[in-house]
């Protein structure tokens, strides 16, 4: 019989496949000490239908996914600003 390792999620970050923890215990273990109280409070108050989203958010916080998201949002804002400027110039 083969041993089953801890549950993980896989996602792509910066074009690379990354495994992130996918249980309350493994996410909690991976977090810095100063984030544990906030994690426990959010997980403890999450409704059952929101728990997976809360856990995914915390698991992703352990990666550079937020930085990648910030870069995408900055590019989208810049494009929107340019388009609004062009539309205003043509009126």
PDB file of N, CA and C in Angstrom:
ATOM      1  N   UNK A   1       0.836  -1.169   0.000  1.00  0.00           N
ATOM      2  CA  UNK A   1       0.000   0.000   0.000  1.00  0.00           C
ATOM      3  C   UNK A   1       0.887   1.240   0.000  1.00  0.00           C
ATOM      4  N   UNK A   2       0.538   2.231  -0.811  1.00  0.00           N
ATOM      5  CA  UNK A   2       1.338   3.449  -0.848  1.00  0.00           C
ATOM      6  C   UNK A   2       0.810   4.449   0.168  1.00  0.00           C
ATOM      7  N   UNK A   3       1.734   5.229   0.693  1.00  0.00           N
ATOM      8  CA  UNK A   3       1.353   6.260   1.657  1.00  0.00           C
ATOM      9  C   UNK A   3       0.743   7.447   0.915  1.00  0.00           C
ATOM     10  N   UNK A   4      -0.255   8.020   1.498  1.00  0.00           N
ATOM     11  CA  UNK A   4      -0.890   9.195   0.918  1.00  0.00           C
ATOM     12  C   UNK A   4      -0.351  10.412   1.653  1.00  0.00           C
ATOM     13  N   UNK A   5       0.173  11.359   0.896  1.00  0.00           N
ATOM     14  CA  UNK A   5       0.723  12.571   1.481  1.00  0.00           C
ATOM     15  C   UNK A   5      -0.373  13.557   1.820  1.00  0.00           C
ATOM     16  N   UNK A   6       0.025  14.685   2.376  1.00  0.00           N
ATOM     17  CA  UNK A   6      -0.975  15.711   2.713  1.00  0.00           C
ATOM     18  C   UNK A   6      -1.661  16.260   1.462  1.00  0.00           C
ATOM     19  N   UNK A   7      -2.898  16.648   1.639  1.00  0.00           N
ATOM     20  CA  UNK A   7      -3.669  17.199   0.521  1.00  0.00           C
ATOM     21  C   UNK A   7      -3.056  18.509   0.057  1.00  0.00           C
ATOM     22  N   UNK A   8      -3.010  18.682  -1.258  1.00  0.00           N
ATOM     23  CA  UNK A   8      -2.522  19.943  -1.833  1.00  0.00           C
ATOM     24  C   UNK A   8      -3.412  20.341  -2.988  1.00  0.00           C
ATOM     25  N   UNK A   9      -3.381  21.637  -3.285  1.00  0.00           N
ATOM     26  CA  UNK A   9      -3.973  22.161  -4.500  1.00  0.00           C
ATOM     27  C   UNK A   9      -2.827  22.492  -5.437  1.00  0.00           C
ATOM     28  N   UNK A  10      -3.085  22.458  -6.719  1.00  0.00           N
ATOM     29  CA  UNK A  10      -2.083  22.907  -7.678  1.00  0.00           C
ATOM     30  C   UNK A  10      -2.645  24.088  -8.458  1.00  0.00           C
ATOM     31  N   UNK A  11      -1.760  25.019  -8.757  1.00  0.00           N
ATOM     32  CA  UNK A  11      -2.144  26.201  -9.507  1.00  0.00           C
ATOM     33  C   UNK A  11      -0.939  26.677 -10.302  1.00  0.00           C
ATOM     34  N   UNK A  12      -1.173  27.569 -11.227  1.00  0.00           N
ATOM     35  CA  UNK A  12      -0.078  28.153 -12.008  1.00  0.00           C
ATOM     36  C   UNK A  12       0.190  29.563 -11.496  1.00  0.00           C
ATOM     37  N   UNK A  13       1.441  29.812 -11.161  1.00  0.00           N
ATOM     38  CA  UNK A  13       1.873  31.133 -10.719  1.00  0.00           C
ATOM     39  C   UNK A  13       3.115  31.486 -11.519  1.00  0.00           C
ATOM     40  N   UNK A  14       3.065  32.633 -12.181  1.00  0.00           N
ATOM     41  CA  UNK A  14       4.167  33.062 -13.050  1.00  0.00           C
ATOM     42  C   UNK A  14       4.526  31.979 -14.063  1.00  0.00           C
ATOM     43  N   UNK A  15       3.495  31.282 -14.566  1.00  0.00           N
ATOM     44  CA  UNK A  15       3.701  30.277 -15.595  1.00  0.00           C
ATOM     45  C   UNK A  15       4.237  28.938 -15.100  1.00  0.00           C
ATOM     46  N   UNK A  16       4.374  28.770 -13.797  1.00  0.00           N
ATOM     47  CA  UNK A  16       4.897  27.517 -13.249  1.00  0.00           C
ATOM     48  C   UNK A  16       3.830  26.832 -12.406  1.00  0.00           C
ATOM     49  N   UNK A  17       3.809  25.500 -12.466  1.00  0.00           N
ATOM     50  CA  UNK A  17       2.892  24.717 -11.651  1.00  0.00           C
ATOM     51  C   UNK A  17       3.399  24.701 -10.215  1.00  0.00           C
ATOM     52  N   UNK A  18       2.522  25.086  -9.279  1.00  0.00           N
ATOM     53  CA  UNK A  18       2.893  25.189  -7.873  1.00  0.00           C
ATOM     54  C   UNK A  18       1.894  24.402  -7.045  1.00  0.00           C
ATOM     55  N   UNK A  19       2.392  23.679  -6.044  1.00  0.00           N
ATOM     56  CA  UNK A  19       1.519  22.996  -5.092  1.00  0.00           C
ATOM     57  C   UNK A  19       1.416  23.850  -3.843  1.00  0.00           C
ATOM     58  N   UNK A  20       0.195  23.991  -3.339  1.00  0.00           N
ATOM     59  CA  UNK A  20      -0.021  24.747  -2.107  1.00  0.00           C
ATOM     60  C   UNK A  20      -0.799  23.864  -1.133  1.00  0.00           C
ATOM     61  N   UNK A  21      -0.633  24.096   0.166  1.00  0.00           N
ATOM     62  CA  UNK A  21      -1.338  23.267   1.147  1.00  0.00           C
ATOM     63  C   UNK A  21      -2.848  23.410   1.006  1.00  0.00           C
ATOM     64  N   UNK A  22      -3.560  22.337   1.339  1.00  0.00           N
ATOM     65  CA  UNK A  22      -5.013  22.339   1.124  1.00  0.00           C
ATOM     66  C   UNK A  22      -5.804  21.799   2.306  1.00  0.00           C
ATOM     67  N   UNK A  23      -5.214  21.856   3.487  1.00  0.00           N
ATOM     68  CA  UNK A  23      -5.984  21.518   4.689  1.00  0.00           C
ATOM     69  C   UNK A  23      -5.798  22.646   5.697  1.00  0.00           C
ATOM     70  N   UNK A  24      -6.710  22.742   6.623  1.00  0.00           N
ATOM     71  CA  UNK A  24      -6.592  23.769   7.658  1.00  0.00           C
ATOM     72  C   UNK A  24      -5.252  23.620   8.379  1.00  0.00           C
ATOM     73  N   UNK A  25      -4.905  22.402   8.767  1.00  0.00           N
ATOM     74  CA  UNK A  25      -3.667  22.174   9.514  1.00  0.00           C
ATOM     75  C   UNK A  25      -2.416  22.516   8.712  1.00  0.00           C
ATOM     76  N   UNK A  26      -2.366  22.113   7.429  1.00  0.00           N
ATOM     77  CA  UNK A  26      -1.139  22.365   6.661  1.00  0.00           C
ATOM     78  C   UNK A  26      -1.002  23.840   6.288  1.00  0.00           C
ATOM     79  N   UNK A  27      -2.113  24.513   6.059  1.00  0.00           N
ATOM     80  CA  UNK A  27      -2.046  25.955   5.792  1.00  0.00           C
ATOM     81  C   UNK A  27      -1.593  26.665   7.063  1.00  0.00           C
ATOM     82  N   UNK A  28      -2.197  26.313   8.184  1.00  0.00           N
ATOM     83  CA  UNK A  28      -1.858  26.949   9.458  1.00  0.00           C
ATOM     84  C   UNK A  28      -0.379  26.752   9.785  1.00  0.00           C
ATOM     85  N   UNK A  29       0.138  25.560   9.567  1.00  0.00           N
ATOM     86  CA  UNK A  29       1.549  25.263   9.841  1.00  0.00           C
ATOM     87  C   UNK A  29       2.475  26.104   8.974  1.00  0.00           C
ATOM     88  N   UNK A  30       2.063  26.402   7.752  1.00  0.00           N
ATOM     89  CA  UNK A  30       2.909  27.151   6.819  1.00  0.00           C
ATOM     90  C   UNK A  30       2.883  28.666   7.059  1.00  0.00           C
ATOM     91  N   UNK A  31       1.913  29.142   7.815  1.00  0.00           N
ATOM     92  CA  UNK A  31       1.775  30.589   8.033  1.00  0.00           C
ATOM     93  C   UNK A  31       2.776  31.109   9.061  1.00  0.00           C
ATOM     94  N   UNK A  32       3.188  32.366   8.897  1.00  0.00           N
ATOM     95  CA  UNK A  32       4.010  32.999   9.922  1.00  0.00           C
ATOM     96  C   UNK A  32       3.211  33.158  11.219  1.00  0.00           C
ATOM     97  N   UNK A  33       3.887  33.118  12.332  1.00  0.00           N
ATOM     98  CA  UNK A  33       3.257  33.211  13.653  1.00  0.00           C
ATOM     99  C   UNK A  33       2.316  34.409  13.769  1.00  0.00           C
ATOM    100  N   UNK A  34       2.715  35.552  13.197  1.00  0.00           N
ATOM    101  CA  UNK A  34       1.910  36.769  13.348  1.00  0.00           C
ATOM    102  C   UNK A  34       0.596  36.725  12.574  1.00  0.00           C
ATOM    103  N   UNK A  35       0.391  35.745  11.711  1.00  0.00           N
ATOM    104  CA  UNK A  35      -0.856  35.634  10.956  1.00  0.00           C
ATOM    105  C   UNK A  35      -1.804  34.575  11.508  1.00  0.00           C
ATOM    106  N   UNK A  36      -1.352  33.819  12.489  1.00  0.00           N
ATOM    107  CA  UNK A  36      -2.159  32.691  12.983  1.00  0.00           C
ATOM    108  C   UNK A  36      -3.488  33.123  13.594  1.00  0.00           C
ATOM    109  N   UNK A  37      -3.496  34.174  14.389  1.00  0.00           N
ATOM    110  CA  UNK A  37      -4.744  34.604  15.027  1.00  0.00           C
ATOM    111  C   UNK A  37      -5.769  35.034  13.981  1.00  0.00           C
ATOM    112  N   UNK A  38      -5.322  35.765  12.958  1.00  0.00           N
ATOM    113  CA  UNK A  38      -6.240  36.202  11.892  1.00  0.00           C
ATOM    114  C   UNK A  38      -6.758  35.003  11.110  1.00  0.00           C
ATOM    115  N   UNK A  39      -5.873  34.046  10.829  1.00  0.00           N
ATOM    116  CA  UNK A  39      -6.279  32.827  10.121  1.00  0.00           C
ATOM    117  C   UNK A  39      -7.328  32.069  10.934  1.00  0.00           C
ATOM    118  N   UNK A  40      -7.031  31.838  12.208  1.00  0.00           N
ATOM    119  CA  UNK A  40      -7.963  31.092  13.064  1.00  0.00           C
ATOM    120  C   UNK A  40      -9.316  31.788  13.145  1.00  0.00           C
ATOM    121  N   UNK A  41      -9.303  33.109  13.259  1.00  0.00           N
ATOM    122  CA  UNK A  41     -10.562  33.859  13.360  1.00  0.00           C
ATOM    123  C   UNK A  41     -11.366  33.751  12.071  1.00  0.00           C
ATOM    124  N   UNK A  42     -10.688  33.897  10.934  1.00  0.00           N
ATOM    125  CA  UNK A  42     -11.420  33.853   9.660  1.00  0.00           C
ATOM    126  C   UNK A  42     -11.945  32.453   9.362  1.00  0.00           C
ATOM    127  N   UNK A  43     -11.108  31.438   9.591  1.00  0.00           N
ATOM    128  CA  UNK A  43     -11.547  30.054   9.358  1.00  0.00           C
ATOM    129  C   UNK A  43     -12.661  29.687  10.331  1.00  0.00           C
ATOM    130  N   UNK A  44     -12.515  30.107  11.574  1.00  0.00           N
ATOM    131  CA  UNK A  44     -13.512  29.786  12.591  1.00  0.00           C
ATOM    132  C   UNK A  44     -14.868  30.414  12.346  1.00  0.00           C
ATOM    133  N   UNK A  45     -14.887  31.543  11.657  1.00  0.00           N
ATOM    134  CA  UNK A  45     -16.168  32.219  11.417  1.00  0.00           C
ATOM    135  C   UNK A  45     -16.708  32.009  10.006  1.00  0.00           C
ATOM    136  N   UNK A  46     -15.963  31.301   9.163  1.00  0.00           N
ATOM    137  CA  UNK A  46     -16.406  31.063   7.782  1.00  0.00           C
ATOM    138  C   UNK A  46     -17.568  30.066   7.760  1.00  0.00           C
ATOM    139  N   UNK A  47     -18.558  30.389   6.939  1.00  0.00           N
ATOM    140  CA  UNK A  47     -19.652  29.434   6.761  1.00  0.00           C
ATOM    141  C   UNK A  47     -19.154  28.273   5.904  1.00  0.00           C
ATOM    142  N   UNK A  48     -19.840  27.176   5.979  1.00  0.00           N
ATOM    143  CA  UNK A  48     -19.408  25.978   5.263  1.00  0.00           C
ATOM    144  C   UNK A  48     -19.261  26.228   3.767  1.00  0.00           C
ATOM    145  N   UNK A  49     -20.169  27.019   3.196  1.00  0.00           N
ATOM    146  CA  UNK A  49     -20.094  27.252   1.755  1.00  0.00           C
ATOM    147  C   UNK A  49     -18.965  28.207   1.370  1.00  0.00           C
ATOM    148  N   UNK A  50     -18.375  28.912   2.328  1.00  0.00           N
ATOM    149  CA  UNK A  50     -17.276  29.841   2.058  1.00  0.00           C
ATOM    150  C   UNK A  50     -15.918  29.308   2.507  1.00  0.00           C
ATOM    151  N   UNK A  51     -15.900  28.207   3.248  1.00  0.00           N
ATOM    152  CA  UNK A  51     -14.657  27.710   3.839  1.00  0.00           C
ATOM    153  C   UNK A  51     -13.580  27.409   2.799  1.00  0.00           C
ATOM    154  N   UNK A  52     -13.949  26.781   1.694  1.00  0.00           N
ATOM    155  CA  UNK A  52     -12.951  26.458   0.670  1.00  0.00           C
ATOM    156  C   UNK A  52     -12.321  27.733   0.101  1.00  0.00           C
ATOM    157  N   UNK A  53     -13.115  28.771  -0.112  1.00  0.00           N
ATOM    158  CA  UNK A  53     -12.573  30.037  -0.620  1.00  0.00           C
ATOM    159  C   UNK A  53     -11.641  30.695   0.387  1.00  0.00           C
ATOM    160  N   UNK A  54     -12.010  30.649   1.648  1.00  0.00           N
ATOM    161  CA  UNK A  54     -11.165  31.211   2.705  1.00  0.00           C
ATOM    162  C   UNK A  54      -9.836  30.468   2.748  1.00  0.00           C
ATOM    163  N   UNK A  55      -9.890  29.140   2.712  1.00  0.00           N
ATOM    164  CA  UNK A  55      -8.662  28.345   2.751  1.00  0.00           C
ATOM    165  C   UNK A  55      -7.793  28.597   1.518  1.00  0.00           C
ATOM    166  N   UNK A  56      -8.415  28.683   0.351  1.00  0.00           N
ATOM    167  CA  UNK A  56      -7.652  28.945  -0.877  1.00  0.00           C
ATOM    168  C   UNK A  56      -6.970  30.307  -0.804  1.00  0.00           C
ATOM    169  N   UNK A  57      -7.665  31.301  -0.283  1.00  0.00           N
ATOM    170  CA  UNK A  57      -7.091  32.634  -0.156  1.00  0.00           C
ATOM    171  C   UNK A  57      -5.864  32.615   0.758  1.00  0.00           C
ATOM    172  N   UNK A  58      -5.978  31.959   1.886  1.00  0.00           N
ATOM    173  CA  UNK A  58      -4.846  31.876   2.806  1.00  0.00           C
ATOM    174  C   UNK A  58      -3.705  31.059   2.202  1.00  0.00           C
ATOM    175  N   UNK A  59      -4.022  29.957   1.527  1.00  0.00           N
ATOM    176  CA  UNK A  59      -2.973  29.139   0.909  1.00  0.00           C
ATOM    177  C   UNK A  59      -2.240  29.937  -0.168  1.00  0.00           C
ATOM    178  N   UNK A  60      -2.971  30.697  -0.955  1.00  0.00           N
ATOM    179  CA  UNK A  60      -2.346  31.518  -1.998  1.00  0.00           C
ATOM    180  C   UNK A  60      -1.519  32.654  -1.408  1.00  0.00           C
ATOM    181  N   UNK A  61      -1.867  33.089  -0.201  1.00  0.00           N
ATOM    182  CA  UNK A  61      -1.090  34.159   0.435  1.00  0.00           C
ATOM    183  C   UNK A  61       0.333  33.704   0.752  1.00  0.00           C
ATOM    184  N   UNK A  62       0.568  32.405   0.724  1.00  0.00           N
ATOM    185  CA  UNK A  62       1.900  31.850   0.974  1.00  0.00           C
ATOM    186  C   UNK A  62       2.788  31.897  -0.267  1.00  0.00           C
ATOM    187  N   UNK A  63       2.224  32.329  -1.390  1.00  0.00           N
ATOM    188  CA  UNK A  63       2.933  32.334  -2.666  1.00  0.00           C
ATOM    189  C   UNK A  63       3.087  33.763  -3.183  1.00  0.00           C
ATOM    190  N   UNK A  64       3.629  33.874  -4.365  1.00  0.00           N
ATOM    191  CA  UNK A  64       3.746  35.192  -5.009  1.00  0.00           C
ATOM    192  C   UNK A  64       2.533  35.497  -5.887  1.00  0.00           C
ATOM    193  N   UNK A  65       1.451  34.750  -5.715  1.00  0.00           N
ATOM    194  CA  UNK A  65       0.250  34.957  -6.539  1.00  0.00           C
ATOM    195  C   UNK A  65      -0.284  36.370  -6.407  1.00  0.00           C
ATOM    196  N   UNK A  66      -0.237  36.939  -5.223  1.00  0.00           N
ATOM    197  CA  UNK A  66      -0.728  38.300  -5.023  1.00  0.00           C
ATOM    198  C   UNK A  66       0.055  39.308  -5.832  1.00  0.00           C
ATOM    199  N   UNK A  67       1.359  39.123  -5.904  1.00  0.00           N
ATOM    200  CA  UNK A  67       2.201  40.017  -6.698  1.00  0.00           C
ATOM    201  C   UNK A  67       1.843  39.906  -8.176  1.00  0.00           C
ATOM    202  N   UNK A  68       1.606  38.682  -8.632  1.00  0.00           N
ATOM    203  CA  UNK A  68       1.217  38.471 -10.031  1.00  0.00           C
ATOM    204  C   UNK A  68      -0.134  39.148 -10.294  1.00  0.00           C
ATOM    205  N   UNK A  69      -1.083  38.988  -9.369  1.00  0.00           N
ATOM    206  CA  UNK A  69      -2.391  39.630  -9.511  1.00  0.00           C
ATOM    207  C   UNK A  69      -2.249  41.149  -9.537  1.00  0.00           C
ATOM    208  N   UNK A  70      -1.416  41.685  -8.648  1.00  0.00           N
ATOM    209  CA  UNK A  70      -1.211  43.135  -8.601  1.00  0.00           C
ATOM    210  C   UNK A  70      -0.665  43.655  -9.923  1.00  0.00           C
ATOM    211  N   UNK A  71       0.258  42.910 -10.529  1.00  0.00           N
ATOM    212  CA  UNK A  71       0.839  43.327 -11.809  1.00  0.00           C
ATOM    213  C   UNK A  71      -0.222  43.314 -12.913  1.00  0.00           C
ATOM    214  N   UNK A  72      -1.070  42.301 -12.923  1.00  0.00           N
ATOM    215  CA  UNK A  72      -2.136  42.215 -13.934  1.00  0.00           C
ATOM    216  C   UNK A  72      -3.122  43.374 -13.746  1.00  0.00           C
ATOM    217  N   UNK A  73      -3.500  43.637 -12.501  1.00  0.00           N
ATOM    218  CA  UNK A  73      -4.441  44.723 -12.219  1.00  0.00           C
ATOM    219  C   UNK A  73      -3.839  46.067 -12.623  1.00  0.00           C
ATOM    220  N   UNK A  74      -2.554  46.270 -12.357  1.00  0.00           N
ATOM    221  CA  UNK A  74      -1.897  47.521 -12.745  1.00  0.00           C
ATOM    222  C   UNK A  74      -1.914  47.695 -14.264  1.00  0.00           C
ATOM    223  N   UNK A  75      -1.654  46.609 -14.994  1.00  0.00           N
ATOM    224  CA  UNK A  75      -1.694  46.686 -16.464  1.00  0.00           C
ATOM    225  C   UNK A  75      -3.100  46.996 -16.955  1.00  0.00           C
ATOM    226  N   UNK A  76      -4.108  46.384 -16.361  1.00  0.00           N
ATOM    227  CA  UNK A  76      -5.492  46.640 -16.758  1.00  0.00           C
ATOM    228  C   UNK A  76      -5.890  48.087 -16.463  1.00  0.00           C
ATOM    229  N   UNK A  77      -5.465  48.607 -15.320  1.00  0.00           N
ATOM    230  CA  UNK A  77      -5.771  50.003 -14.987  1.00  0.00           C
ATOM    231  C   UNK A  77      -5.111  50.947 -15.985  1.00  0.00           C
ATOM    232  N   UNK A  78      -3.875  50.649 -16.346  1.00  0.00           N
ATOM    233  CA  UNK A  78      -3.164  51.493 -17.306  1.00  0.00           C
ATOM    234  C   UNK A  78      -3.863  51.480 -18.663  1.00  0.00           C
ATOM    235  N   UNK A  79      -4.273  50.296 -19.111  1.00  0.00           N
ATOM    236  CA  UNK A  79      -4.981  50.183 -20.388  1.00  0.00           C
ATOM    237  C   UNK A  79      -6.299  50.950 -20.341  1.00  0.00           C
ATOM    238  N   UNK A  80      -7.036  50.816 -19.245  1.00  0.00           N
ATOM    239  CA  UNK A  80      -8.315  51.505 -19.101  1.00  0.00           C
ATOM    240  C   UNK A  80      -8.111  53.015 -19.102  1.00  0.00           C
ATOM    241  N   UNK A  81      -7.097  53.463 -18.397  1.00  0.00           N
ATOM    242  CA  UNK A  81      -6.805  54.892 -18.341  1.00  0.00           C
ATOM    243  C   UNK A  81      -6.464  55.428 -19.730  1.00  0.00           C
ATOM    244  N   UNK A  82      -5.644  54.686 -20.473  1.00  0.00           N
ATOM    245  CA  UNK A  82      -5.290  55.097 -21.840  1.00  0.00           C
ATOM    246  C   UNK A  82      -6.523  55.169 -22.732  1.00  0.00           C
ATOM    247  N   UNK A  83      -7.385  54.157 -22.618  1.00  0.00           N
ATOM    248  CA  UNK A  83      -8.593  54.125 -23.442  1.00  0.00           C
ATOM    249  C   UNK A  83      -9.514  55.288 -23.081  1.00  0.00           C
ATOM    250  N   UNK A  84      -9.655  55.590 -21.809  1.00  0.00           N
ATOM    251  CA  UNK A  84     -10.503  56.704 -21.395  1.00  0.00           C
ATOM    252  C   UNK A  84      -9.918  58.020 -21.903  1.00  0.00           C
ATOM    253  N   UNK A  85      -8.611  58.156 -21.842  1.00  0.00           N
ATOM    254  CA  UNK A  85      -7.950  59.365 -22.330  1.00  0.00           C
ATOM    255  C   UNK A  85      -8.176  59.518 -23.838  1.00  0.00           C
ATOM    256  N   UNK A  86      -8.039  58.405 -24.572  1.00  0.00           N
ATOM    257  CA  UNK A  86      -8.246  58.453 -26.023  1.00  0.00           C
ATOM    258  C   UNK A  86      -9.691  58.801 -26.361  1.00  0.00           C
ATOM    259  N   UNK A  87     -10.623  58.246 -25.612  1.00  0.00           N
ATOM    260  CA  UNK A  87     -12.038  58.527 -25.862  1.00  0.00           C
ATOM    261  C   UNK A  87     -12.336  59.988 -25.558  1.00  0.00           C
ATOM    262  N   UNK A  88     -11.751  60.528 -24.504  1.00  0.00           N
ATOM    263  CA  UNK A  88     -11.964  61.915 -24.148  1.00  0.00           C
ATOM    264  C   UNK A  88     -11.378  62.860 -25.177  1.00  0.00           C
ATOM    265  N   UNK A  89     -10.256  62.469 -25.780  1.00  0.00           N
ATOM    266  CA  UNK A  89      -9.603  63.302 -26.782  1.00  0.00           C
ATOM    267  C   UNK A  89     -10.401  63.329 -28.080  1.00  0.00           C
ATOM    268  N   UNK A  90     -11.162  62.275 -28.331  1.00  0.00           N
ATOM    269  CA  UNK A  90     -11.908  62.203 -29.587  1.00  0.00           C
ATOM    270  C   UNK A  90     -13.280  62.879 -29.496  1.00  0.00           C
ATOM    271  N   UNK A  91     -13.690  63.260 -28.307  1.00  0.00           N
ATOM    272  CA  UNK A  91     -15.010  63.911 -28.168  1.00  0.00           C
ATOM    273  C   UNK A  91     -14.983  65.351 -28.542  1.00  0.00           C
TER     274      UNK A  91
END
